[in-house]
N, C-alpha and C. Protein backbone atom coordinates (compact mmCIF):
# COMPACT_ATOMS: atom_id res chain seq x y z
N MET A 1 0.58 -1.23 -0.25
CA MET A 1 0.03 -0.03 -0.04
C MET A 1 0.66 1.50 0.21
N LYS A 2 0.80 2.21 -1.03
CA LYS A 2 1.26 3.27 -0.71
C LYS A 2 0.78 4.91 -0.28
N ARG A 3 1.16 5.18 0.78
CA ARG A 3 1.23 6.00 1.46
C ARG A 3 1.48 7.65 1.26
N ARG A 4 0.88 8.86 1.11
CA ARG A 4 1.24 10.10 0.95
C ARG A 4 1.12 10.76 2.58
N SER A 5 1.82 11.78 2.81
CA SER A 5 2.00 12.64 3.42
C SER A 5 1.91 14.01 3.12
N GLY A 6 1.40 15.11 3.74
CA GLY A 6 1.46 16.60 3.02
C GLY A 6 0.89 16.67 2.48
N PHE A 7 0.83 17.86 1.41
CA PHE A 7 -0.71 18.19 0.34
C PHE A 7 -0.58 17.10 -0.71
N VAL A 8 -1.80 16.97 -0.99
CA VAL A 8 -2.00 15.72 -1.79
C VAL A 8 -2.68 16.15 -3.24
N SER A 9 -2.60 16.37 -4.19
CA SER A 9 -3.06 17.16 -5.45
C SER A 9 -4.42 16.59 -6.23
N ASN A 10 -4.99 16.66 -6.66
CA ASN A 10 -6.12 15.64 -7.29
C ASN A 10 -6.40 15.83 -8.71
N SER A 11 -5.63 17.14 -8.86
CA SER A 11 -5.76 17.86 -10.19
C SER A 11 -4.90 16.94 -11.37
N SER A 12 -5.58 17.39 -12.62
CA SER A 12 -4.66 16.49 -13.84
C SER A 12 -4.66 17.79 -14.65
N SER A 13 -3.61 16.93 -15.37
CA SER A 13 -3.63 17.80 -16.74
C SER A 13 -3.25 16.95 -17.96
N SER A 14 -3.74 17.35 -18.94
CA SER A 14 -3.30 16.80 -20.52
C SER A 14 -2.41 17.37 -21.08
N SER A 15 -1.38 17.29 -21.57
CA SER A 15 -0.84 17.77 -23.03
C SER A 15 -1.35 17.21 -24.48
N PHE A 16 -1.46 18.24 -25.42
CA PHE A 16 -1.77 18.01 -26.59
C PHE A 16 -1.00 18.31 -27.74
N ILE A 17 -0.90 17.74 -28.71
CA ILE A 17 -0.55 18.61 -29.87
C ILE A 17 -1.47 17.81 -31.11
N PHE A 18 -1.72 19.28 -31.29
CA PHE A 18 -2.68 19.40 -32.39
C PHE A 18 -2.10 19.68 -33.82
N ILE A 19 -3.05 18.74 -34.30
CA ILE A 19 -1.92 18.94 -36.46
C ILE A 19 -3.08 19.25 -37.25
N PHE A 20 -2.84 20.13 -38.00
CA PHE A 20 -3.93 21.33 -38.90
C PHE A 20 -2.70 21.14 -40.14
N ARG A 21 -3.24 20.00 -41.24
CA ARG A 21 -2.71 19.92 -42.36
C ARG A 21 -3.12 20.82 -43.57
N ASP A 22 -4.31 21.59 -43.89
CA ASP A 22 -4.47 22.45 -44.27
C ASP A 22 -5.41 24.07 -43.73
N GLY A 23 -4.04 24.68 -43.38
CA GLY A 23 -4.13 25.84 -43.48
C GLY A 23 -4.08 25.92 -41.59
N LYS A 24 -3.74 27.18 -41.39
CA LYS A 24 -3.88 27.77 -39.88
C LYS A 24 -5.36 27.85 -39.30
N PRO A 25 -5.55 27.33 -37.97
CA PRO A 25 -7.18 27.54 -37.70
C PRO A 25 -7.59 29.01 -37.27
N THR A 26 -8.80 29.19 -37.62
CA THR A 26 -9.23 30.37 -36.63
C THR A 26 -9.81 30.22 -35.72
N ALA A 27 -10.77 31.12 -35.14
CA ALA A 27 -11.48 30.70 -34.00
C ALA A 27 -12.86 30.09 -34.47
N GLU A 28 -12.85 30.83 -35.58
CA GLU A 28 -14.48 30.14 -36.19
C GLU A 28 -14.37 28.67 -36.45
N SER A 29 -13.20 28.43 -37.70
CA SER A 29 -13.46 26.95 -37.70
C SER A 29 -12.90 26.22 -36.62
N LEU A 30 -11.97 26.77 -36.03
CA LEU A 30 -12.10 25.42 -34.13
C LEU A 30 -13.60 25.40 -34.20
N GLY A 31 -14.31 26.48 -33.77
CA GLY A 31 -16.08 26.20 -33.30
C GLY A 31 -16.11 25.14 -34.01
N LYS A 32 -16.25 25.55 -35.71
CA LYS A 32 -17.22 23.92 -35.96
C LYS A 32 -16.86 22.94 -36.19
N LEU A 33 -15.23 22.51 -35.81
CA LEU A 33 -15.23 21.50 -35.82
C LEU A 33 -15.41 21.33 -34.43
N ILE A 34 -15.18 22.00 -33.88
CA ILE A 34 -15.87 21.05 -31.94
C ILE A 34 -17.23 21.09 -32.52
N GLY A 35 -18.31 21.62 -33.06
CA GLY A 35 -19.36 21.37 -33.33
C GLY A 35 -20.37 21.88 -32.24
N SER A 36 -21.66 21.02 -31.96
CA SER A 36 -22.32 21.74 -31.06
C SER A 36 -22.02 21.21 -29.68
N ALA A 37 -20.85 21.12 -29.45
CA ALA A 37 -20.80 20.43 -28.46
C ALA A 37 -20.92 21.98 -27.35
N ALA A 38 -21.73 21.25 -26.04
CA ALA A 38 -22.13 22.36 -24.98
C ALA A 38 -22.22 21.36 -23.96
N GLU A 39 -21.65 21.87 -22.63
CA GLU A 39 -21.12 21.03 -21.33
C GLU A 39 -21.42 22.15 -20.24
N TYR A 40 -22.28 21.77 -19.11
CA TYR A 40 -22.55 22.32 -17.84
C TYR A 40 -20.48 22.00 -17.10
N HIS A 41 -20.81 23.24 -16.60
CA HIS A 41 -19.58 23.63 -15.65
C HIS A 41 -19.71 23.95 -14.08
N TRP A 42 -19.62 22.94 -13.62
CA TRP A 42 -20.23 23.17 -11.90
C TRP A 42 -19.28 24.07 -11.01
N SER A 43 -19.24 24.87 -10.31
CA SER A 43 -18.13 25.74 -10.03
C SER A 43 -19.00 26.04 -8.48
N GLY A 44 -18.77 25.34 -7.56
CA GLY A 44 -19.36 25.88 -6.32
C GLY A 44 -20.88 25.86 -6.53
N LYS A 45 -21.45 27.12 -6.57
CA LYS A 45 -23.09 27.21 -6.76
C LYS A 45 -23.26 27.90 -7.88
N SER A 46 -22.53 28.15 -8.57
CA SER A 46 -22.72 28.46 -10.13
C SER A 46 -22.63 27.44 -11.16
N GLU A 47 -23.74 26.93 -12.33
CA GLU A 47 -23.55 26.15 -13.19
C GLU A 47 -23.43 27.15 -14.64
N ARG A 48 -23.03 26.55 -15.58
CA ARG A 48 -22.63 27.20 -16.72
C ARG A 48 -22.15 26.54 -18.34
N ILE A 49 -23.01 27.13 -19.05
CA ILE A 49 -23.01 26.13 -20.43
C ILE A 49 -22.06 27.01 -21.01
N TYR A 50 -21.12 26.31 -21.61
CA TYR A 50 -20.44 26.61 -22.79
C TYR A 50 -20.35 26.60 -24.25
N ASP A 51 -20.80 27.01 -25.14
CA ASP A 51 -21.11 26.47 -26.44
C ASP A 51 -19.74 26.38 -27.42
N SER A 52 -20.09 25.54 -28.81
CA SER A 52 -18.95 25.12 -29.31
C SER A 52 -17.91 26.59 -29.90
N GLY A 53 -18.99 28.07 -29.73
CA GLY A 53 -18.16 29.01 -30.15
C GLY A 53 -17.17 29.38 -29.34
N GLU A 54 -17.54 29.52 -28.10
CA GLU A 54 -16.48 29.59 -26.97
C GLU A 54 -15.76 29.00 -26.55
N ILE A 55 -15.90 27.73 -26.91
CA ILE A 55 -14.76 26.67 -26.63
C ILE A 55 -13.59 26.92 -27.78
N GLY A 56 -14.36 26.92 -29.18
CA GLY A 56 -13.57 27.68 -30.41
C GLY A 56 -12.67 28.69 -29.85
N LYS A 57 -12.94 29.83 -29.30
CA LYS A 57 -12.52 31.21 -29.49
C LYS A 57 -11.34 30.37 -28.35
N PHE A 58 -11.77 29.88 -27.33
CA PHE A 58 -10.87 29.74 -26.27
C PHE A 58 -9.54 28.70 -26.53
N MET A 59 -9.83 27.89 -27.64
CA MET A 59 -9.00 27.01 -28.57
C MET A 59 -7.84 27.52 -28.94
N PHE A 60 -8.88 28.85 -29.76
CA PHE A 60 -7.68 29.85 -30.76
C PHE A 60 -6.65 30.50 -29.81
N ASN A 61 -7.63 31.18 -28.91
CA ASN A 61 -6.25 32.17 -27.93
C ASN A 61 -5.30 31.43 -27.27
N SER A 62 -5.67 29.70 -26.66
CA SER A 62 -4.31 29.02 -26.67
C SER A 62 -3.83 28.42 -27.39
N LEU A 63 -3.63 28.49 -28.46
CA LEU A 63 -2.83 28.29 -29.97
C LEU A 63 -2.09 29.13 -30.00
N SER A 64 -2.47 30.20 -30.29
CA SER A 64 -1.99 31.43 -30.82
C SER A 64 -0.62 31.87 -30.07
N GLY A 65 0.17 31.94 -30.74
CA GLY A 65 1.65 32.18 -30.74
C GLY A 65 2.25 30.70 -30.46
N SER A 66 1.89 29.82 -30.46
CA SER A 66 2.33 28.37 -29.74
C SER A 66 2.80 27.30 -30.81
N ALA A 67 2.68 28.00 -32.40
CA ALA A 67 3.31 27.06 -32.82
C ALA A 67 4.55 26.59 -32.91
N SER A 68 4.93 25.15 -32.99
CA SER A 68 6.20 24.67 -32.41
C SER A 68 7.06 24.68 -33.69
N THR A 69 8.52 24.89 -33.04
CA THR A 69 9.42 24.03 -33.54
C THR A 69 9.71 22.95 -33.84
N LEU A 70 10.53 21.95 -35.00
CA LEU A 70 10.53 20.97 -34.27
C LEU A 70 10.22 20.05 -33.50
N PRO A 71 12.30 20.63 -32.85
CA PRO A 71 12.73 20.20 -31.79
C PRO A 71 12.07 20.20 -30.62
N GLU A 72 11.16 20.90 -30.62
CA GLU A 72 10.25 21.12 -29.66
C GLU A 72 8.90 19.61 -29.54
N ILE A 73 8.67 19.40 -30.63
CA ILE A 73 7.93 19.02 -31.07
C ILE A 73 8.38 17.04 -31.14
N LYS A 74 9.35 16.94 -31.87
CA LYS A 74 10.13 15.71 -31.13
C LYS A 74 10.52 15.73 -29.51
N GLU A 75 10.87 16.76 -28.91
CA GLU A 75 10.49 16.63 -27.55
C GLU A 75 9.30 15.81 -26.72
N HIS A 76 8.28 16.90 -27.15
CA HIS A 76 7.13 16.37 -26.61
C HIS A 76 6.76 15.25 -26.91
N LEU A 77 6.56 14.78 -28.36
CA LEU A 77 6.27 13.58 -28.97
C LEU A 77 6.96 12.33 -28.15
N SER A 78 7.88 12.70 -27.71
CA SER A 78 8.74 11.52 -27.18
C SER A 78 8.22 10.73 -25.73
N GLU A 79 7.25 12.20 -25.00
CA GLU A 79 6.27 11.65 -23.84
C GLU A 79 5.30 11.44 -24.32
N PHE A 80 4.94 11.21 -25.63
CA PHE A 80 3.55 10.49 -25.52
C PHE A 80 3.95 9.10 -25.89
N TYR A 81 4.76 8.76 -26.13
CA TYR A 81 5.64 7.30 -26.40
C TYR A 81 6.46 6.74 -25.02
N ASN A 82 6.24 5.66 -24.69
CA ASN A 82 7.52 5.94 -23.08
C ASN A 82 8.61 5.03 -23.35
N ILE A 83 9.25 5.96 -24.02
CA ILE A 83 10.63 5.31 -24.56
C ILE A 83 11.74 5.73 -24.19
N ASP A 84 11.97 7.08 -23.09
CA ASP A 84 13.09 8.00 -22.99
C ASP A 84 13.55 6.79 -21.35
N ASP A 85 12.80 5.91 -21.10
CA ASP A 85 13.46 4.70 -20.06
C ASP A 85 14.11 3.69 -20.88
N GLU A 86 15.00 3.08 -19.91
CA GLU A 86 15.39 2.02 -20.60
C GLU A 86 14.10 0.72 -20.36
N PRO A 87 14.44 -0.18 -20.84
CA PRO A 87 13.23 -1.09 -20.31
C PRO A 87 13.83 -2.31 -19.51
N ASP A 88 12.30 -2.85 -19.19
CA ASP A 88 12.69 -3.90 -18.13
C ASP A 88 12.19 -5.26 -17.95
N ASP A 89 13.10 -6.14 -18.44
CA ASP A 89 12.31 -7.54 -18.73
C ASP A 89 12.88 -8.33 -17.23
N SER A 90 13.03 -8.23 -16.24
CA SER A 90 13.30 -9.03 -15.13
C SER A 90 11.79 -9.59 -15.14
N PRO A 91 12.40 -10.58 -14.56
CA PRO A 91 11.07 -12.34 -14.91
C PRO A 91 10.03 -12.05 -13.35
N ASP A 92 10.10 -11.26 -12.38
CA ASP A 92 9.42 -10.54 -11.29
C ASP A 92 8.82 -9.03 -11.42
N ARG A 93 8.80 -8.58 -12.62
CA ARG A 93 8.82 -7.24 -12.75
C ARG A 93 7.69 -7.01 -12.08
N TYR A 94 7.27 -5.92 -11.61
CA TYR A 94 6.28 -5.13 -11.18
C TYR A 94 6.42 -3.91 -11.29
N SER A 95 6.35 -3.02 -12.81
CA SER A 95 6.96 -2.08 -12.79
C SER A 95 6.19 -1.29 -13.82
N TRP A 96 6.10 0.09 -14.23
CA TRP A 96 5.63 0.84 -14.96
C TRP A 96 6.40 0.60 -17.01
N LYS A 97 7.64 0.25 -16.45
CA LYS A 97 8.69 0.19 -17.31
C LYS A 97 7.69 -0.53 -18.65
N LEU A 98 8.60 -0.30 -19.76
CA LEU A 98 8.01 -1.55 -20.77
C LEU A 98 9.14 -2.17 -20.92
N THR A 99 8.71 -3.53 -21.41
CA THR A 99 9.31 -4.25 -21.92
C THR A 99 10.41 -3.95 -23.02
N THR A 100 11.26 -5.34 -23.20
CA THR A 100 12.34 -4.70 -24.27
C THR A 100 11.29 -4.99 -25.97
N GLU A 101 10.56 -5.46 -25.58
CA GLU A 101 9.81 -5.85 -27.44
C GLU A 101 8.74 -4.50 -27.20
N GLN A 102 7.91 -3.96 -26.02
CA GLN A 102 7.13 -3.02 -26.18
C GLN A 102 7.87 -1.47 -26.35
N HIS A 103 9.02 -1.58 -25.54
CA HIS A 103 9.89 -0.26 -26.15
C HIS A 103 9.90 -0.48 -27.50
N LYS A 104 10.71 -1.76 -28.29
CA LYS A 104 10.60 -1.36 -29.35
C LYS A 104 9.57 -1.33 -30.51
N GLU A 105 8.14 -1.42 -29.97
CA GLU A 105 7.45 -1.38 -30.49
C GLU A 105 6.56 0.18 -30.64
N GLU A 106 6.94 0.46 -29.56
CA GLU A 106 6.70 1.91 -29.03
C GLU A 106 7.55 3.07 -30.18
N THR A 107 9.23 2.75 -30.28
CA THR A 107 10.08 3.44 -30.72
C THR A 107 9.67 3.61 -32.42
N ILE A 108 9.31 2.37 -32.52
CA ILE A 108 8.76 2.26 -34.08
C ILE A 108 7.46 3.04 -34.56
N LYS A 109 6.41 3.52 -33.12
CA LYS A 109 5.29 4.12 -33.35
C LYS A 109 5.85 5.05 -33.72
N PHE A 110 6.75 5.75 -32.64
CA PHE A 110 7.26 7.04 -32.25
C PHE A 110 7.96 7.78 -33.78
N SER A 111 8.70 7.14 -34.34
CA SER A 111 9.73 7.62 -35.13
C SER A 111 8.70 7.55 -36.87
N LYS A 112 7.60 6.34 -36.81
CA LYS A 112 6.32 6.49 -37.70
C LYS A 112 5.77 8.02 -37.78
N LYS A 113 5.55 8.17 -36.34
CA LYS A 113 4.54 9.75 -36.14
C LYS A 113 5.73 10.82 -36.12
N LEU A 114 7.29 10.83 -36.15
CA LEU A 114 7.65 11.91 -35.69
C LEU A 114 7.77 12.15 -37.70
N VAL A 115 8.34 11.29 -38.38
CA VAL A 115 8.30 11.68 -39.69
C VAL A 115 6.91 12.09 -40.19
N ASP A 116 6.01 11.83 -39.89
CA ASP A 116 4.63 12.54 -40.59
C ASP A 116 4.40 13.94 -40.13
N LEU A 117 4.58 13.94 -38.28
CA LEU A 117 4.77 15.54 -38.05
C LEU A 117 6.20 16.39 -38.70
N THR A 118 7.05 15.67 -39.44
CA THR A 118 8.08 16.36 -39.99
C THR A 118 7.80 16.98 -41.21
N LYS A 119 6.68 15.82 -42.02
CA LYS A 119 5.86 16.55 -43.22
C LYS A 119 5.45 17.45 -43.04
N VAL A 120 4.46 17.29 -42.29
CA VAL A 120 3.29 18.53 -42.04
C VAL A 120 3.97 19.67 -41.39
N PHE A 121 4.96 19.69 -40.71
CA PHE A 121 5.87 20.77 -40.14
C PHE A 121 6.68 21.36 -41.56
N PHE A 122 7.16 20.79 -42.52
CA PHE A 122 7.49 21.31 -43.67
C PHE A 122 6.70 22.05 -44.41
N ASP A 123 5.34 21.26 -44.48
CA ASP A 123 4.24 21.88 -45.77
C ASP A 123 4.03 23.14 -45.62
N LYS A 124 3.80 24.07 -46.50
CA LYS A 124 3.26 25.60 -46.14
C LYS A 124 1.89 25.60 -45.74
N ASN A 125 1.42 24.82 -45.70
CA ASN A 125 -0.28 24.94 -44.86
C ASN A 125 -0.39 23.96 -44.12
N GLY A 126 0.64 23.35 -43.08
CA GLY A 126 0.41 22.65 -41.65
C GLY A 126 1.18 23.51 -40.70
N PHE A 127 0.70 23.20 -39.78
CA PHE A 127 0.58 23.99 -38.84
C PHE A 127 0.83 23.14 -37.61
N ILE A 128 1.62 22.87 -36.17
CA ILE A 128 1.80 22.02 -34.99
C ILE A 128 1.42 22.69 -34.14
N TYR A 129 0.82 22.63 -33.14
CA TYR A 129 1.06 23.47 -32.23
C TYR A 129 0.73 22.18 -30.86
N ILE A 130 1.25 22.96 -29.67
CA ILE A 130 1.41 21.78 -28.35
C ILE A 130 0.84 23.04 -27.53
N VAL A 131 0.16 22.18 -26.11
CA VAL A 131 -0.52 22.59 -25.72
C VAL A 131 -0.93 22.43 -24.64
N GLU A 132 -1.03 22.76 -23.42
CA GLU A 132 -1.07 21.83 -21.44
C GLU A 132 -2.61 22.31 -21.12
N PHE A 133 -3.03 21.44 -20.81
CA PHE A 133 -4.58 21.95 -20.19
C PHE A 133 -4.45 21.54 -19.06
N GLU A 134 -5.61 21.95 -17.68
CA GLU A 134 -5.26 21.83 -16.43
C GLU A 134 -6.82 21.72 -15.76
N ASP A 135 -7.25 20.44 -15.25
CA ASP A 135 -8.56 20.77 -14.93
C ASP A 135 -8.77 20.97 -13.52
N ASP A 136 -7.68 21.78 -12.65
CA ASP A 136 -7.56 22.38 -11.97
C ASP A 136 -7.83 24.51 -11.80
N ALA A 137 -8.21 24.30 -13.65
CA ALA A 137 -7.84 25.86 -13.55
C ALA A 137 -9.47 26.38 -13.83
N GLY A 138 -10.50 25.40 -13.93
CA GLY A 138 -11.39 25.86 -14.30
C GLY A 138 -12.40 25.69 -15.44
N GLY A 139 -13.40 26.54 -15.28
CA GLY A 139 -14.19 26.94 -16.53
C GLY A 139 -13.56 26.36 -17.90
N ILE A 140 -13.62 26.75 -18.92
CA ILE A 140 -13.21 25.92 -20.08
C ILE A 140 -12.20 24.93 -20.18
N GLU A 141 -10.93 25.90 -19.62
CA GLU A 141 -9.80 25.21 -19.44
C GLU A 141 -9.99 23.75 -18.83
N ARG A 142 -10.64 23.14 -18.03
CA ARG A 142 -11.24 22.02 -17.02
C ARG A 142 -11.45 21.57 -18.39
N LEU A 143 -13.22 22.02 -18.88
CA LEU A 143 -14.21 21.39 -19.83
C LEU A 143 -12.61 20.45 -20.82
N VAL A 144 -12.17 21.45 -21.71
CA VAL A 144 -11.31 20.81 -22.65
C VAL A 144 -10.09 19.93 -22.25
N GLU A 145 -9.88 19.99 -20.88
CA GLU A 145 -8.77 19.72 -20.20
C GLU A 145 -9.91 17.37 -20.02
N CYS A 146 -10.85 17.54 -19.51
CA CYS A 146 -11.54 16.59 -19.71
C CYS A 146 -12.58 16.20 -20.49
N GLY A 147 -13.25 17.05 -21.38
CA GLY A 147 -14.18 16.44 -21.96
C GLY A 147 -13.52 15.99 -23.87
N GLU A 148 -14.28 15.58 -24.66
CA GLU A 148 -13.89 14.97 -25.75
C GLU A 148 -14.38 15.54 -26.74
N TYR A 149 -14.00 17.30 -27.00
CA TYR A 149 -14.53 18.16 -27.95
C TYR A 149 -13.58 17.67 -28.96
N PHE A 150 -12.55 17.15 -29.19
CA PHE A 150 -11.70 17.05 -30.56
C PHE A 150 -11.99 16.20 -31.37
N SER A 151 -12.99 15.42 -31.55
CA SER A 151 -12.98 14.06 -32.01
C SER A 151 -12.76 14.74 -33.94
N LYS A 152 -13.13 15.54 -33.75
CA LYS A 152 -12.64 16.32 -35.63
C LYS A 152 -11.45 16.94 -35.73
N ILE A 153 -10.74 17.34 -34.82
CA ILE A 153 -9.65 17.91 -34.99
C ILE A 153 -8.00 16.69 -34.64
N GLU A 154 -7.18 16.88 -35.79
CA GLU A 154 -6.28 15.53 -35.68
C GLU A 154 -5.09 16.11 -34.37
N HIS A 155 -5.05 15.31 -33.46
CA HIS A 155 -4.73 15.17 -32.51
C HIS A 155 -3.85 14.31 -31.69
N LEU A 156 -2.73 14.20 -30.83
CA LEU A 156 -2.35 13.70 -29.77
C LEU A 156 -2.87 13.91 -28.41
N LYS A 157 -3.24 13.06 -27.32
CA LYS A 157 -3.32 13.57 -26.05
C LYS A 157 -2.78 12.60 -24.87
N ASN A 158 -1.71 13.45 -24.11
CA ASN A 158 -1.16 12.26 -23.16
C ASN A 158 -1.73 13.26 -21.81
N SER A 159 -2.07 12.47 -21.56
CA SER A 159 -2.71 12.60 -20.06
C SER A 159 -1.97 12.07 -18.67
N HIS A 160 -1.75 13.23 -17.81
CA HIS A 160 -1.05 13.25 -16.84
C HIS A 160 -1.80 13.86 -15.41
N HIS A 161 -2.36 12.43 -14.99
CA HIS A 161 -3.25 11.84 -13.76
C HIS A 161 -2.28 11.51 -12.68
C-alpha cells in the first residue's frame, strides 16, 4: 500500500499536439470543428453552459503564438511514447516500464509519427501546436482537459493523472 503525506493534489493535466494539415485554424473554424458541443460546468454554486463558439475561441487563444518548432515537437512527442526510459525485462517485474519488445514497438510508432509530423511541419499549409490544459484551472480549460471536444481535430493526447 502506498501512503502519501503532506499536500495531495487531485488535479490533472493533459498535453495535446494539435495537427492542422490544411492551413492555420481560426476561432470560427475551431468552433465548427468542435461542433454543437455544449457542456455544464459546476463551480461551487454556479452552473454554466459553454457553447462550441466559446470553446473554439478559447482554443484559438490557446493556440495563438504556440506554433511549435521541430525540436519541441520531437521532445513532446517522445512523452507520448514511453521510450525515454530503459526497458525492464526482469521476470518478477512490477513496473510501469516497458519490456524490450514493448519499447521496440513504441520506438517504431514514435519514429513513424515523427516522420509524419516532420512532413506536416515543412508543408506550407501545415501547422502543429503543443498545448497543455489543467482541470484545476476551472471553466473552459477544465472542460477542454477532461472533455472529448477534439474528435474532428487531428491530435495526440497525453494525460498526466
